[in-house]
Amino acid sequence: MREDKQLLVITHLSQLLTCITGFGGLIVPLILWATQKENIYSMDLQGKRIINFQLSIIVYSVICIPLILLLGLGFLGLIFIGIISIIFPIINAVKVNNGEVPKYPLSLNFIS
């Protein structure tokens, strides 16, 4: 196993593809994790955290849709989800580059 901080940073930042293209924020990290988890040190742990975070974002977004009818609370939820889905991949990419262990808050544990 080799250490490759650049690929880990790219994996974290690839989540931002959803903001740019509308899709890919789950697919690209999933592919990188699935193909490199045996080769790159810490890719398995961080890949699982990224996938869990992306799946959590999807679940929270789906929950917010019906809440739009309830006094517009869903709009606030979607704005909050949008902000954290941009900020935390960037923060965690910087942490990985500095040799720290990144964590994603509010992440449900789908893959352990």
C-alpha atoms as a PDB file:
ATOM      1  CA  MET A   1       0.000   0.000   0.000  1.00  0.00           C
ATOM      2  CA  ARG A   2       1.254   3.452  -0.810  1.00  0.00           C
ATOM      3  CA  GLU A   3       0.372   6.854   0.554  1.00  0.00           C
ATOM      4  CA  ASP A   4      -1.101   9.242  -2.006  1.00  0.00           C
ATOM      5  CA  LYS A   5      -2.377  12.480  -0.488  1.00  0.00           C
ATOM      6  CA  GLN A   6      -3.117  13.983  -3.892  1.00  0.00           C
ATOM      7  CA  LEU A   7      -5.552  11.222  -4.844  1.00  0.00           C
ATOM      8  CA  LEU A   8      -7.242  11.511  -1.446  1.00  0.00           C
ATOM      9  CA  VAL A   9      -7.588  15.285  -1.920  1.00  0.00           C
ATOM     10  CA  ILE A  10      -9.021  14.713  -5.412  1.00  0.00           C
ATOM     11  CA  THR A  11     -11.455  12.157  -3.989  1.00  0.00           C
ATOM     12  CA  HIS A  12     -12.730  14.666  -1.415  1.00  0.00           C
ATOM     13  CA  LEU A  13     -12.947  17.495  -3.953  1.00  0.00           C
ATOM     14  CA  SER A  14     -14.693  15.287  -6.535  1.00  0.00           C
ATOM     15  CA  GLN A  15     -17.823  15.631  -4.401  1.00  0.00           C
ATOM     16  CA  LEU A  16     -18.089  19.191  -5.704  1.00  0.00           C
ATOM     17  CA  LEU A  17     -18.906  17.835  -9.176  1.00  0.00           C
ATOM     18  CA  THR A  18     -22.561  17.890  -8.173  1.00  0.00           C
ATOM     19  CA  CYS A  19     -22.354  21.681  -7.762  1.00  0.00           C
ATOM     20  CA  ILE A  20     -20.663  22.088 -11.134  1.00  0.00           C
ATOM     21  CA  THR A  21     -22.320  19.490 -13.369  1.00  0.00           C
ATOM     22  CA  GLY A  22     -25.424  18.483 -11.392  1.00  0.00           C
ATOM     23  CA  PHE A  23     -24.236  14.907 -10.905  1.00  0.00           C
ATOM     24  CA  GLY A  24     -21.067  12.967 -10.192  1.00  0.00           C
ATOM     25  CA  GLY A  25     -20.604  13.938  -6.548  1.00  0.00           C
ATOM     26  CA  LEU A  26     -21.444  10.392  -5.485  1.00  0.00           C
ATOM     27  CA  ILE A  27     -20.393   8.433  -8.560  1.00  0.00           C
ATOM     28  CA  VAL A  28     -16.795   9.678  -8.954  1.00  0.00           C
ATOM     29  CA  PRO A  29     -15.779   9.218  -5.277  1.00  0.00           C
ATOM     30  CA  LEU A  30     -17.483   5.820  -5.313  1.00  0.00           C
ATOM     31  CA  ILE A  31     -15.453   4.731  -8.345  1.00  0.00           C
ATOM     32  CA  LEU A  32     -12.204   6.117  -6.895  1.00  0.00           C
ATOM     33  CA  TRP A  33     -12.854   4.398  -3.561  1.00  0.00           C
ATOM     34  CA  ALA A  34     -13.849   1.069  -5.125  1.00  0.00           C
ATOM     35  CA  THR A  35     -10.836   0.925  -7.428  1.00  0.00           C
ATOM     36  CA  GLN A  36      -8.167   2.307  -5.082  1.00  0.00           C
ATOM     37  CA  LYS A  37      -9.153   1.136  -1.583  1.00  0.00           C
ATOM     38  CA  GLU A  38      -6.676  -1.753  -1.748  1.00  0.00           C
ATOM     39  CA  ASN A  39      -3.810   0.348  -3.149  1.00  0.00           C
ATOM     40  CA  ILE A  40      -3.885   3.674  -1.310  1.00  0.00           C
ATOM     41  CA  TYR A  41      -3.313   3.980   2.421  1.00  0.00           C
ATOM     42  CA  SER A  42      -6.411   5.385   4.206  1.00  0.00           C
ATOM     43  CA  MET A  43      -8.525   5.358   1.008  1.00  0.00           C
ATOM     44  CA  ASP A  44     -10.864   2.699   2.423  1.00  0.00           C
ATOM     45  CA  LEU A  45     -11.679   4.685   5.578  1.00  0.00           C
ATOM     46  CA  GLN A  46     -11.957   8.049   3.858  1.00  0.00           C
ATOM     47  CA  GLY A  47     -13.865   6.635   0.896  1.00  0.00           C
ATOM     48  CA  LYS A  48     -16.456   5.154   3.237  1.00  0.00           C
ATOM     49  CA  ARG A  49     -16.814   8.489   5.008  1.00  0.00           C
ATOM     50  CA  ILE A  50     -17.280  10.305   1.690  1.00  0.00           C
ATOM     51  CA  ILE A  51     -19.893   7.818   0.449  1.00  0.00           C
ATOM     52  CA  ASN A  52     -21.744   7.962   3.792  1.00  0.00           C
ATOM     53  CA  PHE A  53     -21.707  11.779   3.638  1.00  0.00           C
ATOM     54  CA  GLN A  54     -23.018  11.859   0.063  1.00  0.00           C
ATOM     55  CA  LEU A  55     -25.767   9.339   0.813  1.00  0.00           C
ATOM     56  CA  SER A  56     -26.696  11.349   3.934  1.00  0.00           C
ATOM     57  CA  ILE A  57     -26.944  14.529   1.842  1.00  0.00           C
ATOM     58  CA  ILE A  58     -29.311  12.717  -0.540  1.00  0.00           C
ATOM     59  CA  VAL A  59     -31.482  11.445   2.342  1.00  0.00           C
ATOM     60  CA  TYR A  60     -31.632  14.874   3.987  1.00  0.00           C
ATOM     61  CA  SER A  61     -32.534  16.487   0.655  1.00  0.00           C
ATOM     62  CA  VAL A  62     -35.368  14.019   0.087  1.00  0.00           C
ATOM     63  CA  ILE A  63     -36.650  14.711   3.611  1.00  0.00           C
ATOM     64  CA  CYS A  64     -36.597  18.484   2.952  1.00  0.00           C
ATOM     65  CA  ILE A  65     -38.763  18.263  -0.172  1.00  0.00           C
ATOM     66  CA  PRO A  66     -42.057  17.580   1.642  1.00  0.00           C
ATOM     67  CA  LEU A  67     -41.050  20.092   4.339  1.00  0.00           C
ATOM     68  CA  ILE A  68     -41.265  22.850   1.722  1.00  0.00           C
ATOM     69  CA  LEU A  69     -45.041  22.674   2.127  1.00  0.00           C
ATOM     70  CA  LEU A  70     -44.667  23.166   5.898  1.00  0.00           C
ATOM     71  CA  LEU A  71     -44.036  26.918   6.133  1.00  0.00           C
ATOM     72  CA  GLY A  72     -41.126  26.686   3.734  1.00  0.00           C
ATOM     73  CA  LEU A  73     -38.877  24.902   6.226  1.00  0.00           C
ATOM     74  CA  GLY A  74     -37.650  22.672   3.441  1.00  0.00           C
ATOM     75  CA  PHE A  75     -36.098  25.651   1.663  1.00  0.00           C
ATOM     76  CA  LEU A  76     -34.039  26.474   4.740  1.00  0.00           C
ATOM     77  CA  GLY A  77     -33.011  22.835   5.022  1.00  0.00           C
ATOM     78  CA  LEU A  78     -31.979  22.676   1.369  1.00  0.00           C
ATOM     79  CA  ILE A  79     -29.953  25.884   1.716  1.00  0.00           C
ATOM     80  CA  PHE A  80     -28.209  24.458   4.788  1.00  0.00           C
ATOM     81  CA  ILE A  81     -27.542  21.150   2.996  1.00  0.00           C
ATOM     82  CA  GLY A  82     -26.157  23.024  -0.002  1.00  0.00           C
ATOM     83  CA  ILE A  83     -23.783  25.005   2.178  1.00  0.00           C
ATOM     84  CA  ILE A  84     -22.426  21.996   4.080  1.00  0.00           C
ATOM     85  CA  SER A  85     -22.099  19.966   0.882  1.00  0.00           C
ATOM     86  CA  ILE A  86     -19.737  22.648  -0.458  1.00  0.00           C
ATOM     87  CA  ILE A  87     -17.841  23.568   2.710  1.00  0.00           C
ATOM     88  CA  PHE A  88     -16.997  20.163   4.201  1.00  0.00           C
ATOM     89  CA  PRO A  89     -15.410  18.559   1.120  1.00  0.00           C
ATOM     90  CA  ILE A  90     -13.105  21.590   0.863  1.00  0.00           C
ATOM     91  CA  ILE A  91     -12.274  21.593   4.587  1.00  0.00           C
ATOM     92  CA  ASN A  92     -11.599  17.855   4.537  1.00  0.00           C
ATOM     93  CA  ALA A  93      -9.451  18.069   1.400  1.00  0.00           C
ATOM     94  CA  VAL A  94      -7.272  20.624   3.209  1.00  0.00           C
ATOM     95  CA  LYS A  95      -7.154  18.383   6.293  1.00  0.00           C
ATOM     96  CA  VAL A  96      -6.050  15.386   4.211  1.00  0.00           C
ATOM     97  CA  ASN A  97      -3.362  17.473   2.549  1.00  0.00           C
ATOM     98  CA  ASN A  98      -2.084  18.485   6.008  1.00  0.00           C
ATOM     99  CA  GLY A  99      -2.030  14.870   7.196  1.00  0.00           C
ATOM    100  CA  GLU A 100      -5.058  15.165   9.473  1.00  0.00           C
ATOM    101  CA  VAL A 101      -7.981  12.727   9.614  1.00  0.00           C
ATOM    102  CA  PRO A 102     -11.117  14.303   8.101  1.00  0.00           C
ATOM    103  CA  LYS A 103     -14.602  13.848   9.518  1.00  0.00           C
ATOM    104  CA  TYR A 104     -18.013  14.630   8.070  1.00  0.00           C
ATOM    105  CA  PRO A 105     -20.644  15.834  10.558  1.00  0.00           C
ATOM    106  CA  LEU A 106     -24.298  14.772  10.328  1.00  0.00           C
ATOM    107  CA  SER A 107     -23.227  11.734   8.330  1.00  0.00           C
ATOM    108  CA  LEU A 108     -25.362   8.624   8.632  1.00  0.00           C
ATOM    109  CA  ASN A 109     -23.458   5.338   8.747  1.00  0.00           C
ATOM    110  CA  PHE A 110     -24.569   3.376   5.657  1.00  0.00           C
ATOM    111  CA  ILE A 111     -21.202   1.702   4.997  1.00  0.00           C
ATOM    112  CA  SER A 112     -19.022   0.705   7.915  1.00  0.00           C
END
